[in-house]
C-alpha atoms as a PDB file:
ATOM      1  CA  UNK A   1      96.408 104.286 113.533  1.00  0.00           C
ATOM      2  CA  UNK A   2      94.391 107.409 112.815  1.00  0.00           C
ATOM      3  CA  UNK A   3      94.275 108.976 109.365  1.00  0.00           C
ATOM      4  CA  UNK A   4      97.291 111.291 109.135  1.00  0.00           C
ATOM      5  CA  UNK A   5      98.132 114.364 107.105  1.00  0.00           C
ATOM      6  CA  UNK A   6     100.923 112.519 105.257  1.00  0.00           C
ATOM      7  CA  UNK A   7      98.456 109.972 103.867  1.00  0.00           C
ATOM      8  CA  UNK A   8      95.924 112.634 102.887  1.00  0.00           C
ATOM      9  CA  UNK A   9      98.565 114.668 101.100  1.00  0.00           C
ATOM     10  CA  UNK A  10     100.011 111.737  99.177  1.00  0.00           C
ATOM     11  CA  UNK A  11      96.641 110.234  98.288  1.00  0.00           C
ATOM     12  CA  UNK A  12      95.461 113.506  96.768  1.00  0.00           C
ATOM     13  CA  UNK A  13      98.761 114.531  95.134  1.00  0.00           C
ATOM     14  CA  UNK A  14      99.730 111.231  93.492  1.00  0.00           C
ATOM     15  CA  UNK A  15      99.413 111.157  89.699  1.00  0.00           C
ATOM     16  CA  UNK A  16      97.407 108.064  88.759  1.00  0.00           C
ATOM     17  CA  UNK A  17      95.941 109.222  85.459  1.00  0.00           C
ATOM     18  CA  UNK A  18      95.578 106.266  83.096  1.00  0.00           C
ATOM     19  CA  UNK A  19      96.722 103.711  85.667  1.00  0.00           C
ATOM     20  CA  UNK A  20      94.939 100.388  85.375  1.00  0.00           C
ATOM     21  CA  UNK A  21      96.556  98.659  88.351  1.00  0.00           C
ATOM     22  CA  UNK A  22      97.785 100.426  91.492  1.00  0.00           C
ATOM     23  CA  UNK A  23      99.423  99.122  94.671  1.00  0.00           C
ATOM     24  CA  UNK A  24      99.332 100.950  98.008  1.00  0.00           C
ATOM     25  CA  UNK A  25     102.364  99.502  99.792  1.00  0.00           C
ATOM     26  CA  UNK A  26     101.848  99.452 103.552  1.00  0.00           C
ATOM     27  CA  UNK A  27      98.240 100.620 103.279  1.00  0.00           C
ATOM     28  CA  UNK A  28      97.361 100.796 106.990  1.00  0.00           C
ATOM     29  CA  UNK A  29      93.629 101.380 107.329  1.00  0.00           C
ATOM     30  CA  UNK A  30      93.340 101.862 103.563  1.00  0.00           C
ATOM     31  CA  UNK A  31      92.936 105.634 103.235  1.00  0.00           C
ATOM     32  CA  UNK A  32      95.259 106.047 100.222  1.00  0.00           C
ATOM     33  CA  UNK A  33      93.793 102.999  98.483  1.00  0.00           C
ATOM     34  CA  UNK A  34      90.331 104.515  98.914  1.00  0.00           C
ATOM     35  CA  UNK A  35      91.443 107.931  97.668  1.00  0.00           C
ATOM     36  CA  UNK A  36      93.050 106.613  94.497  1.00  0.00           C
ATOM     37  CA  UNK A  37      90.117 104.283  93.813  1.00  0.00           C
ATOM     38  CA  UNK A  38      87.833 107.328  93.950  1.00  0.00           C
ATOM     39  CA  UNK A  39      89.916 109.171  91.341  1.00  0.00           C
ATOM     40  CA  UNK A  40      91.006 106.291  89.091  1.00  0.00           C
ATOM     41  CA  UNK A  41      87.557 105.074  88.180  1.00  0.00           C
ATOM     42  CA  UNK A  42      88.705 102.052  86.148  1.00  0.00           C
ATOM     43  CA  UNK A  43      91.737 100.968  88.175  1.00  0.00           C
ATOM     44  CA  UNK A  44      92.161  97.866  90.286  1.00  0.00           C
ATOM     45  CA  UNK A  45      93.708  98.937  93.586  1.00  0.00           C
ATOM     46  CA  UNK A  46      95.655  96.598  95.858  1.00  0.00           C
ATOM     47  CA  UNK A  47      96.351  97.567  99.466  1.00  0.00           C
ATOM     48  CA  UNK A  48      99.179  95.551 101.025  1.00  0.00           C
ATOM     49  CA  UNK A  49      99.458  95.521 104.818  1.00  0.00           C
ATOM     50  CA  UNK A  50     101.454  93.278 107.160  1.00  0.00           C
ATOM     51  CA  UNK A  51      99.875  94.294 110.490  1.00  0.00           C
ATOM     52  CA  UNK A  52      96.791  92.089 110.778  1.00  0.00           C
ATOM     53  CA  UNK A  53      94.494  94.455 112.667  1.00  0.00           C
ATOM     54  CA  UNK A  54      95.211  97.263 110.212  1.00  0.00           C
ATOM     55  CA  UNK A  55      94.584  94.919 107.265  1.00  0.00           C
ATOM     56  CA  UNK A  56      91.224  93.876 108.750  1.00  0.00           C
ATOM     57  CA  UNK A  57      90.251  97.518 109.188  1.00  0.00           C
ATOM     58  CA  UNK A  58      91.313  98.283 105.610  1.00  0.00           C
ATOM     59  CA  UNK A  59      89.165  95.387 104.378  1.00  0.00           C
ATOM     60  CA  UNK A  60      86.188  96.707 106.347  1.00  0.00           C
ATOM     61  CA  UNK A  61      86.682 100.241 105.039  1.00  0.00           C
ATOM     62  CA  UNK A  62      87.012  99.045 101.458  1.00  0.00           C
ATOM     63  CA  UNK A  63      83.892  96.862 101.767  1.00  0.00           C
ATOM     64  CA  UNK A  64      81.830  99.865 102.900  1.00  0.00           C
ATOM     65  CA  UNK A  65      83.057 102.090 100.060  1.00  0.00           C
ATOM     66  CA  UNK A  66      81.459 102.624  96.624  1.00  0.00           C
ATOM     67  CA  UNK A  67      84.590 101.054  95.090  1.00  0.00           C
ATOM     68  CA  UNK A  68      84.568  97.760  96.988  1.00  0.00           C
ATOM     69  CA  UNK A  69      84.643  95.724  93.760  1.00  0.00           C
ATOM     70  CA  UNK A  70      87.935  97.339  92.706  1.00  0.00           C
ATOM     71  CA  UNK A  71      89.863  97.418  96.007  1.00  0.00           C
ATOM     72  CA  UNK A  72      91.690  94.284  97.153  1.00  0.00           C
ATOM     73  CA  UNK A  73      93.364  94.235 100.564  1.00  0.00           C
ATOM     74  CA  UNK A  74      96.212  91.759 100.940  1.00  0.00           C
ATOM     75  CA  UNK A  75      97.355  90.806 104.455  1.00  0.00           C
ATOM     76  CA  UNK A  76     101.059  90.100 103.989  1.00  0.00           C
ATOM     77  CA  UNK A  77     104.399  91.847 103.780  1.00  0.00           C
ATOM     78  CA  UNK A  78     105.203  94.131 100.860  1.00  0.00           C
ATOM     79  CA  UNK A  79     108.264  91.994 100.159  1.00  0.00           C
ATOM     80  CA  UNK A  80     106.249  88.768  99.963  1.00  0.00           C
ATOM     81  CA  UNK A  81     103.589  90.366  97.752  1.00  0.00           C
ATOM     82  CA  UNK A  82     106.213  91.652  95.325  1.00  0.00           C
ATOM     83  CA  UNK A  83     107.932  88.274  95.059  1.00  0.00           C
ATOM     84  CA  UNK A  84     104.846  86.472  93.784  1.00  0.00           C
ATOM     85  CA  UNK A  85     105.200  85.764  90.094  1.00  0.00           C
ATOM     86  CA  UNK A  86     101.680  86.865  89.178  1.00  0.00           C
ATOM     87  CA  UNK A  87     102.389  90.349  90.562  1.00  0.00           C
ATOM     88  CA  UNK A  88     105.798  90.967  89.008  1.00  0.00           C
ATOM     89  CA  UNK A  89     105.840  93.704  86.389  1.00  0.00           C
ATOM     90  CA  UNK A  90     102.055  94.140  86.346  1.00  0.00           C
ATOM     91  CA  UNK A  91     101.485  97.472  88.137  1.00  0.00           C
ATOM     92  CA  UNK A  92     101.278 100.904  86.561  1.00  0.00           C
ATOM     93  CA  UNK A  93     101.741 102.748  89.853  1.00  0.00           C
ATOM     94  CA  UNK A  94     102.914 102.048  93.379  1.00  0.00           C
ATOM     95  CA  UNK A  95     102.170 104.483  96.188  1.00  0.00           C
ATOM     96  CA  UNK A  96     103.493 104.384  99.716  1.00  0.00           C
ATOM     97  CA  UNK A  97     103.328 106.334 102.953  1.00  0.00           C
ATOM     98  CA  UNK A  98     105.997 104.051 104.404  1.00  0.00           C
ATOM     99  CA  UNK A  99     107.319 103.582 107.927  1.00  0.00           C
ATOM    100  CA  UNK A 100     110.303 105.913 107.756  1.00  0.00           C
ATOM    101  CA  UNK A 101     111.460 106.328 111.364  1.00  0.00           C
ATOM    102  CA  UNK A 102     114.949 104.868 111.622  1.00  0.00           C
ATOM    103  CA  UNK A 103     116.823 104.550 114.906  1.00  0.00           C
ATOM    104  CA  UNK A 104     114.191 106.579 116.793  1.00  0.00           C
ATOM    105  CA  UNK A 105     112.668 105.852 120.237  1.00  0.00           C
ATOM    106  CA  UNK A 106     109.777 103.401 120.045  1.00  0.00           C
ATOM    107  CA  UNK A 107     106.301 103.131 121.529  1.00  0.00           C
ATOM    108  CA  UNK A 108     105.173 100.273 123.828  1.00  0.00           C
ATOM    109  CA  UNK A 109     102.612  99.454 121.101  1.00  0.00           C
ATOM    110  CA  UNK A 110     104.073  96.971 118.542  1.00  0.00           C
ATOM    111  CA  UNK A 111     101.455  97.860 115.910  1.00  0.00           C
ATOM    112  CA  UNK A 112     102.297 101.547 116.177  1.00  0.00           C
ATOM    113  CA  UNK A 113     105.987 100.746 115.852  1.00  0.00           C
ATOM    114  CA  UNK A 114     105.340  98.673 112.716  1.00  0.00           C
ATOM    115  CA  UNK A 115     103.419 101.555 111.165  1.00  0.00           C
ATOM    116  CA  UNK A 116     106.071 104.182 111.938  1.00  0.00           C
ATOM    117  CA  UNK A 117     109.483 102.473 112.145  1.00  0.00           C
ATOM    118  CA  UNK A 118     111.263 100.809 109.234  1.00  0.00           C
ATOM    119  CA  UNK A 119     112.236  97.554 110.970  1.00  0.00           C
ATOM    120  CA  UNK A 120     109.878  95.456 108.827  1.00  0.00           C
ATOM    121  CA  UNK A 121     110.062  97.578 105.654  1.00  0.00           C
ATOM    122  CA  UNK A 122     113.379  99.311 105.112  1.00  0.00           C
ATOM    123  CA  UNK A 123     113.907 101.827 102.332  1.00  0.00           C
ATOM    124  CA  UNK A 124     115.902  99.284 100.336  1.00  0.00           C
ATOM    125  CA  UNK A 125     113.167  96.654 100.717  1.00  0.00           C
ATOM    126  CA  UNK A 126     110.487  99.154  99.687  1.00  0.00           C
ATOM    127  CA  UNK A 127     112.335 100.281  96.572  1.00  0.00           C
ATOM    128  CA  UNK A 128     113.267  96.754  95.514  1.00  0.00           C
ATOM    129  CA  UNK A 129     109.656  95.623  95.994  1.00  0.00           C
ATOM    130  CA  UNK A 130     108.287  98.541  93.987  1.00  0.00           C
ATOM    131  CA  UNK A 131     110.752  97.809  91.191  1.00  0.00           C
ATOM    132  CA  UNK A 132     109.654  94.165  91.039  1.00  0.00           C
ATOM    133  CA  UNK A 133     105.966  95.123  90.910  1.00  0.00           C
ATOM    134  CA  UNK A 134     106.146  97.911  88.339  1.00  0.00           C
ATOM    135  CA  UNK A 135     105.933  97.780  84.587  1.00  0.00           C
ATOM    136  CA  UNK A 136     108.689  99.612  82.755  1.00  0.00           C
ATOM    137  CA  UNK A 137     107.840 103.344  82.960  1.00  0.00           C
ATOM    138  CA  UNK A 138     105.562 102.705  85.915  1.00  0.00           C
ATOM    139  CA  UNK A 139     105.712 105.119  88.845  1.00  0.00           C
ATOM    140  CA  UNK A 140     106.702 104.997  92.486  1.00  0.00           C
ATOM    141  CA  UNK A 141     105.165 107.806  94.548  1.00  0.00           C
ATOM    142  CA  UNK A 142     105.856 108.330  98.225  1.00  0.00           C
ATOM    143  CA  UNK A 143     106.196 110.800 101.072  1.00  0.00           C
ATOM    144  CA  UNK A 144     109.515 110.858 102.889  1.00  0.00           C
ATOM    145  CA  UNK A 145     111.284 112.876 105.622  1.00  0.00           C
ATOM    146  CA  UNK A 146     113.524 115.700 104.464  1.00  0.00           C
ATOM    147  CA  UNK A 147     116.409 114.572 106.681  1.00  0.00           C
ATOM    148  CA  UNK A 148     116.622 111.308 104.689  1.00  0.00           C
ATOM    149  CA  UNK A 149     115.901 112.846 101.277  1.00  0.00           C
ATOM    150  CA  UNK A 150     119.464 112.527  99.968  1.00  0.00           C
ATOM    151  CA  UNK A 151     119.478 108.811 100.761  1.00  0.00           C
ATOM    152  CA  UNK A 152     116.213 108.319  98.866  1.00  0.00           C
ATOM    153  CA  UNK A 153     117.571 110.156  95.818  1.00  0.00           C
ATOM    154  CA  UNK A 154     120.747 108.098  95.698  1.00  0.00           C
ATOM    155  CA  UNK A 155     119.032 104.730  96.059  1.00  0.00           C
ATOM    156  CA  UNK A 156     116.300 105.529  93.545  1.00  0.00           C
ATOM    157  CA  UNK A 157     118.876 106.660  90.982  1.00  0.00           C
ATOM    158  CA  UNK A 158     120.947 103.507  91.560  1.00  0.00           C
ATOM    159  CA  UNK A 159     117.903 101.253  90.983  1.00  0.00           C
ATOM    160  CA  UNK A 160     116.882 102.972  87.758  1.00  0.00           C
ATOM    161  CA  UNK A 161     114.167 105.321  89.022  1.00  0.00           C
ATOM    162  CA  UNK A 162     114.134 108.828  87.525  1.00  0.00           C
ATOM    163  CA  UNK A 163     112.717 111.718  89.529  1.00  0.00           C
ATOM    164  CA  UNK A 164     109.731 113.216  87.704  1.00  0.00           C
ATOM    165  CA  UNK A 165     108.217 115.597  90.238  1.00  0.00           C
ATOM    166  CA  UNK A 166     108.583 116.570  93.886  1.00  0.00           C
ATOM    167  CA  UNK A 167     107.023 118.845  96.465  1.00  0.00           C
ATOM    168  CA  UNK A 168     108.280 119.844  99.903  1.00  0.00           C
ATOM    169  CA  UNK A 169     105.756 119.984 102.767  1.00  0.00           C
ATOM    170  CA  UNK A 170     105.824 122.280 105.796  1.00  0.00           C
ATOM    171  CA  UNK A 171     103.323 122.831 108.571  1.00  0.00           C
ATOM    172  CA  UNK A 172     102.923 126.543 107.798  1.00  0.00           C
ATOM    173  CA  UNK A 173     104.920 129.422 106.326  1.00  0.00           C
ATOM    174  CA  UNK A 174     106.372 129.898 109.801  1.00  0.00           C
ATOM    175  CA  UNK A 175     107.745 126.339 109.811  1.00  0.00           C
ATOM    176  CA  UNK A 176     110.516 124.562 107.933  1.00  0.00           C
ATOM    177  CA  UNK A 177     110.026 121.798 105.357  1.00  0.00           C
ATOM    178  CA  UNK A 178     109.907 118.386 107.054  1.00  0.00           C
ATOM    179  CA  UNK A 179     108.501 116.052 104.356  1.00  0.00           C
ATOM    180  CA  UNK A 180     108.945 115.578 100.623  1.00  0.00           C
ATOM    181  CA  UNK A 181     106.447 114.023  98.217  1.00  0.00           C
ATOM    182  CA  UNK A 182     108.022 112.642  95.074  1.00  0.00           C
ATOM    183  CA  UNK A 183     107.164 110.723  91.932  1.00  0.00           C
ATOM    184  CA  UNK A 184     109.747 108.439  90.334  1.00  0.00           C
ATOM    185  CA  UNK A 185     109.476 106.692  86.984  1.00  0.00           C
ATOM    186  CA  UNK A 186     111.098 103.288  86.495  1.00  0.00           C
ATOM    187  CA  UNK A 187     113.526 103.424  83.565  1.00  0.00           C
ATOM    188  CA  UNK A 188     115.806 100.543  84.666  1.00  0.00           C
ATOM    189  CA  UNK A 189     118.762 102.765  83.753  1.00  0.00           C
ATOM    190  CA  UNK A 190     120.865 103.568  86.829  1.00  0.00           C
ATOM    191  CA  UNK A 191     122.035 107.175  86.757  1.00  0.00           C
ATOM    192  CA  UNK A 192     124.115 108.370  89.672  1.00  0.00           C
ATOM    193  CA  UNK A 193     124.954 111.586  87.808  1.00  0.00           C
ATOM    194  CA  UNK A 194     121.387 112.585  87.088  1.00  0.00           C
ATOM    195  CA  UNK A 195     119.918 116.066  87.469  1.00  0.00           C
ATOM    196  CA  UNK A 196     118.409 115.318  90.891  1.00  0.00           C
ATOM    197  CA  UNK A 197     120.312 118.252  92.357  1.00  0.00           C
ATOM    198  CA  UNK A 198     118.142 120.654  90.368  1.00  0.00           C
ATOM    199  CA  UNK A 199     115.098 119.840  92.501  1.00  0.00           C
ATOM    200  CA  UNK A 200     115.107 121.436  95.936  1.00  0.00           C
ATOM    201  CA  UNK A 201     112.308 120.594  98.408  1.00  0.00           C
ATOM    202  CA  UNK A 202     113.139 123.856 100.166  1.00  0.00           C
ATOM    203  CA  UNK A 203     112.377 125.907  97.060  1.00  0.00           C
ATOM    204  CA  UNK A 204     109.374 123.912  95.826  1.00  0.00           C
ATOM    205  CA  UNK A 205     107.216 123.621  98.938  1.00  0.00           C
ATOM    206  CA  UNK A 206     103.622 123.860 100.103  1.00  0.00           C
ATOM    207  CA  UNK A 207     102.353 124.889 103.537  1.00  0.00           C
ATOM    208  CA  UNK A 208      99.533 122.841 105.043  1.00  0.00           C
ATOM    209  CA  UNK A 209      98.314 125.736 107.196  1.00  0.00           C
ATOM    210  CA  UNK A 210      98.342 129.387 106.149  1.00  0.00           C
ATOM    211  CA  UNK A 211      98.890 130.814 109.608  1.00  0.00           C
ATOM    212  CA  UNK A 212      99.191 129.955 113.251  1.00  0.00           C
ATOM    213  CA  UNK A 213      96.170 128.184 114.706  1.00  0.00           C
ATOM    214  CA  UNK A 214      93.342 130.174 116.221  1.00  0.00           C
ATOM    215  CA  UNK A 215      92.097 128.590 119.424  1.00  0.00           C
ATOM    216  CA  UNK A 216      93.637 125.323 118.317  1.00  0.00           C
ATOM    217  CA  UNK A 217      91.697 125.276 115.015  1.00  0.00           C
ATOM    218  CA  UNK A 218      93.844 124.826 111.870  1.00  0.00           C
ATOM    219  CA  UNK A 219      93.685 127.553 109.241  1.00  0.00           C
ATOM    220  CA  UNK A 220      94.414 125.524 106.137  1.00  0.00           C
ATOM    221  CA  UNK A 221      96.176 127.018 103.119  1.00  0.00           C
ATOM    222  CA  UNK A 222      94.453 127.403  99.757  1.00  0.00           C
ATOM    223  CA  UNK A 223      96.917 124.922  98.190  1.00  0.00           C
ATOM    224  CA  UNK A 224      96.114 122.263 100.773  1.00  0.00           C
ATOM    225  CA  UNK A 225      92.377 122.795 100.378  1.00  0.00           C
ATOM    226  CA  UNK A 226      92.631 122.551  96.597  1.00  0.00           C
ATOM    227  CA  UNK A 227      94.322 119.166  96.928  1.00  0.00           C
ATOM    228  CA  UNK A 228      91.858 117.792  99.468  1.00  0.00           C
ATOM    229  CA  UNK A 229      88.589 119.316  98.237  1.00  0.00           C
ATOM    230  CA  UNK A 230      87.506 116.146  96.374  1.00  0.00           C
ATOM    231  CA  UNK A 231      87.628 114.238  99.667  1.00  0.00           C
ATOM    232  CA  UNK A 232      86.614 116.677 102.431  1.00  0.00           C
ATOM    233  CA  UNK A 233      82.912 117.105 103.131  1.00  0.00           C
ATOM    234  CA  UNK A 234      83.264 119.826 105.768  1.00  0.00           C
ATOM    235  CA  UNK A 235      86.249 122.045 106.498  1.00  0.00           C
ATOM    236  CA  UNK A 236      84.645 123.160 109.791  1.00  0.00           C
ATOM    237  CA  UNK A 237      85.026 126.804 108.926  1.00  0.00           C
ATOM    238  CA  UNK A 238      88.800 126.641 108.615  1.00  0.00           C
END
């Protein structure tokens, strides 16, 4: 799988200040693990990936990075990783660009389906795994489709996660919001009557591109560039 905009956005937006141990759940080729290792200079970063070819690529990418001594790629399911006693309650932050397609048409490529569809990592499994891994007051940070946002809110509140910050994402000002980035803090206090309704992804949103493309070349917004500047060597004049 190629590096996607969702991963770049989440890897640059996630708040990892002070985190000593971070897990990238469903790390793919390792882009988010690499991004957070660059910013969190003292953190140990674990990338967990079930699809074997993706895990091998993540290992190769981590080995070639300046942070190879702090990035550990684990080739197993998120559920299995979270159930190991030595991992329980030891992480300050979990980050995930999860497979969130549910009930959608699938590709002939099984690896692509695993990366995009939630058959092997449902929302419930992801949230339960993150809860097992996190210390009290640790954070879960993820990007999620707007059309399933209400479901995410309800399940997080039920499991004792409190919404701390969110940001809607749209392709440009001419497009509608399609994704939501959010940060949840584990309180272990279920609250189905919380103030989640006061956050609206439609009102708090960022456009990736500032205008329609010129000759197929993206014209990125200032907000997007500010997020990605620490990682992009050349914007190609956009």
